[in-house]
Protein backbone atom coordinates (compact mmCIF):
# COMPACT_ATOMS: atom_id res chain seq x y z
CA UNK A 1 0.00 0.00 0.00
CA UNK A 2 1.53 3.36 -1.00
CA UNK A 3 2.36 5.88 1.69
CA UNK A 4 1.14 8.67 -0.57
CA UNK A 5 -2.00 8.97 -2.63
CA UNK A 6 -0.96 11.19 -5.52
CA UNK A 7 -2.91 11.73 -8.70
CA UNK A 8 -1.02 10.75 -11.81
CA UNK A 9 0.81 13.83 -13.03
CA UNK A 10 0.11 15.87 -9.88
CA UNK A 11 3.63 17.27 -9.86
CA UNK A 12 2.57 20.48 -8.12
CA UNK A 13 1.30 18.63 -5.05
CA UNK A 14 4.37 16.42 -5.00
CA UNK A 15 6.62 19.50 -5.11
CA UNK A 16 4.69 21.16 -2.26
CA UNK A 17 5.06 18.03 -0.10
CA UNK A 18 8.77 17.66 -0.93
CA UNK A 19 9.43 21.30 -0.01
CA UNK A 20 7.48 20.92 3.23
CA UNK A 21 9.27 17.77 4.40
CA UNK A 22 12.77 19.16 3.78
CA UNK A 23 12.19 22.31 5.85
CA UNK A 24 14.07 22.59 9.18
CA UNK A 25 12.33 21.44 12.34
CA UNK A 26 12.91 21.21 16.08
CA UNK A 27 15.24 18.43 17.23
CA UNK A 28 12.74 16.60 19.47
CA UNK A 29 10.35 15.89 16.60
CA UNK A 30 10.55 12.65 14.62
CA UNK A 31 8.14 11.38 12.00
CA UNK A 32 7.41 8.86 9.28
CA UNK A 33 4.99 8.65 6.39
CA UNK A 34 1.97 6.36 6.60
CA UNK A 35 -0.73 5.29 4.14
CA UNK A 36 -3.01 8.25 3.42
CA UNK A 37 -6.80 8.04 3.08
CA UNK A 38 -7.64 7.90 -0.60
CA UNK A 39 -11.32 8.89 -0.64
CA UNK A 40 -11.14 12.29 1.02
CA UNK A 41 -9.49 14.15 -1.88
CA UNK A 42 -7.86 13.49 -5.27
CA UNK A 43 -4.39 13.84 -3.71
CA UNK A 44 -3.48 13.08 -0.12
CA UNK A 45 -0.40 12.65 2.06
CA UNK A 46 -0.10 11.53 5.69
CA UNK A 47 2.44 10.99 8.44
CA UNK A 48 2.67 10.24 12.12
CA UNK A 49 4.97 12.14 14.44
CA UNK A 50 6.07 12.24 18.03
CA UNK A 51 7.98 14.42 20.45
CA UNK A 52 10.79 12.50 22.13
CA UNK A 53 13.02 13.69 24.98
CA UNK A 54 15.62 11.22 26.23
CA UNK A 55 13.66 8.43 24.55
CA UNK A 56 10.51 9.38 26.46
CA UNK A 57 7.48 10.05 24.28
CA UNK A 58 5.80 13.27 25.38
CA UNK A 59 3.20 13.55 22.61
CA UNK A 60 2.22 11.84 19.39
CA UNK A 61 -0.14 12.48 16.53
CA UNK A 62 -1.01 12.28 12.89
CA UNK A 63 -1.19 14.78 10.04
CA UNK A 64 -3.16 14.34 6.81
CA UNK A 65 -2.87 16.82 3.93
CA UNK A 66 -5.67 16.89 1.38
CA UNK A 67 -5.55 18.56 -2.03
CA UNK A 68 -8.36 19.06 -4.51
CA UNK A 69 -7.49 21.36 -7.45
CA UNK A 70 -11.21 22.07 -7.89
CA UNK A 71 -11.53 23.10 -4.26
CA UNK A 72 -14.17 22.02 -1.77
CA UNK A 73 -16.79 24.35 -0.35
CA UNK A 74 -16.30 23.23 3.24
CA UNK A 75 -12.56 23.93 2.96
CA UNK A 76 -12.84 27.34 1.30
CA UNK A 77 -9.70 26.42 -0.62
CA UNK A 78 -7.84 23.68 -2.46
CA UNK A 79 -5.76 22.36 0.47
CA UNK A 80 -6.85 21.11 3.87
CA UNK A 81 -4.74 20.17 6.91
CA UNK A 82 -6.23 17.56 9.28
CA UNK A 83 -4.21 16.96 12.44
CA UNK A 84 -4.40 14.76 15.51
CA UNK A 85 -2.50 15.53 18.72
CA UNK A 86 -2.37 13.16 21.70
CA UNK A 87 -0.55 13.47 25.03
CA UNK A 88 -0.72 12.22 28.60
CA UNK A 89 -0.92 15.12 31.02
CA UNK A 90 -0.15 15.60 34.68
CA UNK A 91 -2.81 14.21 37.08
CA UNK A 92 -3.82 17.71 38.20
CA UNK A 93 -5.36 18.25 34.76
CA UNK A 94 -8.10 15.82 35.83
CA UNK A 95 -9.84 18.71 37.59
CA UNK A 96 -8.75 21.46 35.19
CA UNK A 97 -12.00 22.83 33.82
CA UNK A 98 -10.18 25.15 31.43
CA UNK A 99 -8.26 22.39 29.65
CA UNK A 100 -10.25 22.89 26.46
CA UNK A 101 -9.31 26.57 26.39
CA UNK A 102 -5.67 25.66 27.05
CA UNK A 103 -5.69 23.13 24.20
CA UNK A 104 -7.23 25.72 21.86
CA UNK A 105 -4.45 28.16 22.79
CA UNK A 106 -1.88 25.53 21.83
CA UNK A 107 -3.44 25.48 18.37
CA UNK A 108 -3.75 29.20 17.76
CA UNK A 109 -0.40 30.12 19.28
CA UNK A 110 1.41 27.40 17.31
CA UNK A 111 -0.02 28.68 14.04
CA UNK A 112 0.86 32.25 14.96
CA UNK A 113 4.37 31.32 16.10
CA UNK A 114 5.23 29.89 12.71
CA UNK A 115 3.39 32.43 10.60
CA UNK A 116 0.98 29.79 9.32
CA UNK A 117 -2.01 31.84 8.17
CA UNK A 118 -5.17 29.73 8.24
CA UNK A 119 -8.89 29.98 7.66
CA UNK A 120 -11.81 27.67 8.49
CA UNK A 121 -9.88 26.63 11.61
CA UNK A 122 -11.61 24.18 13.93
CA UNK A 123 -10.61 22.06 16.91
CA UNK A 124 -12.19 19.45 19.15
CA UNK A 125 -10.39 18.69 22.43
CA UNK A 126 -11.25 15.55 24.39
CA UNK A 127 -9.99 14.76 27.90
CA UNK A 128 -10.00 11.18 29.19
CA UNK A 129 -9.43 10.55 32.91
CA UNK A 130 -8.68 6.95 33.92
CA UNK A 131 -9.10 6.02 37.59
CA UNK A 132 -8.55 2.46 38.84
CA UNK A 133 -10.42 0.79 41.71
CA UNK A 134 -10.46 -2.45 43.69
CA UNK A 135 -7.61 -4.79 42.82
CA UNK A 136 -6.29 -2.16 40.43
CA UNK A 137 -6.46 0.73 42.90
CA UNK A 138 -2.68 0.92 43.15
CA UNK A 139 -2.46 2.10 39.57
CA UNK A 140 -2.01 5.87 39.32
CA UNK A 141 -4.68 7.97 37.66
CA UNK A 142 -3.94 9.10 34.13
CA UNK A 143 -5.18 12.06 32.11
CA UNK A 144 -5.02 11.94 28.32
CA UNK A 145 -5.90 14.74 25.92
CA UNK A 146 -6.77 14.28 22.26
CA UNK A 147 -7.07 17.24 19.89
CA UNK A 148 -8.51 16.97 16.40
CA UNK A 149 -7.65 20.08 14.41
CA UNK A 150 -8.33 21.08 10.81
CA UNK A 151 -7.66 24.22 8.83
CA UNK A 152 -7.22 25.59 5.33
CA UNK A 153 -3.74 27.07 4.73
CA UNK A 154 -3.67 30.57 3.31
CA UNK A 155 -1.44 30.96 0.25
CA UNK A 156 1.28 33.59 0.59
CA UNK A 157 2.41 35.85 -2.21
CA UNK A 158 6.02 35.16 -3.29
CA UNK A 159 8.27 38.19 -3.79
CA UNK A 160 8.21 37.78 -7.57
CA UNK A 161 4.42 37.37 -7.80
CA UNK A 162 1.87 40.02 -8.79
CA UNK A 163 0.74 42.31 -6.01
CA UNK A 164 -2.33 41.61 -3.93
CA UNK A 165 -5.45 43.13 -5.40
CA UNK A 166 -6.12 46.58 -4.05
CA UNK A 167 -2.68 47.02 -2.45
CA UNK A 168 -0.43 48.66 -5.09
CA UNK A 169 3.24 48.74 -4.19
CA UNK A 170 2.75 46.48 -1.16
CA UNK A 171 3.78 42.84 -1.04
CA UNK A 172 2.81 40.19 1.50
CA UNK A 173 5.08 40.46 4.53
CA UNK A 174 6.04 44.07 3.70
CA UNK A 175 3.39 45.91 5.66
CA UNK A 176 5.24 46.21 8.97
CA UNK A 177 4.20 49.41 10.65
CA UNK A 178 0.90 49.49 8.82
CA UNK A 179 -2.18 49.14 10.97
CA UNK A 180 -4.31 47.92 8.06
CA UNK A 181 -3.91 44.32 6.95
CA UNK A 182 -4.04 43.63 3.20
CA UNK A 183 -7.32 42.26 1.88
CA UNK A 184 -7.51 38.47 1.53
CA UNK A 185 -6.73 36.97 -1.84
CA UNK A 186 -9.72 36.00 -3.91
CA UNK A 187 -10.08 32.30 -4.63
CA UNK A 188 -8.94 32.53 -8.27
CA UNK A 189 -5.81 34.49 -7.40
CA UNK A 190 -4.97 32.31 -4.40
CA UNK A 191 -5.19 29.10 -6.38
CA UNK A 192 -2.64 30.41 -8.88
CA UNK A 193 -0.04 30.95 -6.15
CA UNK A 194 2.26 28.12 -5.14
CA UNK A 195 1.50 27.35 -1.51
CA UNK A 196 4.12 26.84 1.19
CA UNK A 197 3.05 24.22 3.72
CA UNK A 198 6.30 24.23 5.73
CA UNK A 199 4.95 26.75 8.30
CA UNK A 200 1.83 24.61 8.74
CA UNK A 201 3.86 21.43 9.21
CA UNK A 202 5.96 23.28 11.81
CA UNK A 203 2.78 24.54 13.50
CA UNK A 204 1.51 20.98 13.91
CA UNK A 205 4.89 20.09 15.41
CA UNK A 206 4.54 23.00 17.82
CA UNK A 207 1.09 21.76 18.85
CA UNK A 208 2.62 18.38 19.70
CA UNK A 209 5.42 20.05 21.65
CA UNK A 210 3.00 22.25 23.58
CA UNK A 211 0.80 19.27 24.47
CA UNK A 212 3.94 17.47 25.61
CA UNK A 213 4.86 20.31 27.93
CA UNK A 214 7.77 21.76 25.95
CA UNK A 215 8.26 25.51 25.46
CA UNK A 216 8.37 27.01 21.96
CA UNK A 217 11.73 26.51 20.30
CA UNK A 218 13.32 27.86 17.10
CA UNK A 219 13.86 25.30 14.34
CA UNK A 220 17.25 23.70 13.98
CA UNK A 221 19.37 24.34 10.92
CA UNK A 222 19.59 20.80 9.59
CA UNK A 223 16.61 19.56 7.52
CA UNK A 224 14.34 16.98 9.04
CA UNK A 225 14.20 13.42 7.81
CA UNK A 226 11.98 10.48 8.74
CA UNK A 227 14.63 8.74 10.85
CA UNK A 228 12.33 7.23 13.45
CA UNK A 229 9.39 4.91 13.05
CA UNK A 230 6.90 6.90 15.11
CA UNK A 231 4.04 4.77 16.23
CA UNK A 232 0.52 5.64 15.26
CA UNK A 233 -1.74 7.14 17.96
CA UNK A 234 -1.85 4.67 20.82
CA UNK A 235 -4.78 2.23 20.71
CA UNK A 236 -6.95 1.72 23.74
CA UNK A 237 -5.29 -0.61 26.17
CA UNK A 238 -6.99 -3.94 26.35
CA UNK A 239 -7.37 -6.11 29.37
CA UNK A 240 -7.00 -3.38 32.02
CA UNK A 241 -10.26 -4.36 33.67
CA UNK A 242 -9.24 -7.95 34.20
């Protein structure tokens, strides 16, 4: 089974994925490609990743990238990022009523940190508290969080591309000091611009790191490579109630 689902001749999508996976990334992050769902879009790509510190797994997850050149109404674009983030938290989070808000901040701050402009952003955060009783009472309580996040990446205007409509003489990223943000690109113009998914890949990595309790960190210089066989999101443990 192929690890990618690429339409025949979809060289543009292949180039976007290649550029994304050779971008620099933080040292604690390791990943590998996995089979991508084939029915969600004409072209798809997927990987699993984890945050490791001294061989201890702090967080794990999955990322699926969907591409439909015709666009999909629910996406409001031609690309869609679908991410899963899982981590085991400290026991005190069992009574933390604001955990959902904290998880949402991990998402928004990670996107902002890496300059990953997004629209149609959504997140569902689920907390699972496991408490053992009776013969299993000696087992410590555990708190797991699972975040399912999806968003549509905003294309950015390269330096050699035409100017944004309605902003003569002003290029994307060159409006520092201006209090007025440039108008969003219309769909037709946006689809003509080559998209850079590296910031979005890095943002997903930052979400994993935040869930794992690590502070934000600048990317390392060396490019990332799938050197570690990261396991898929952990399945439910069987036999605990025996």
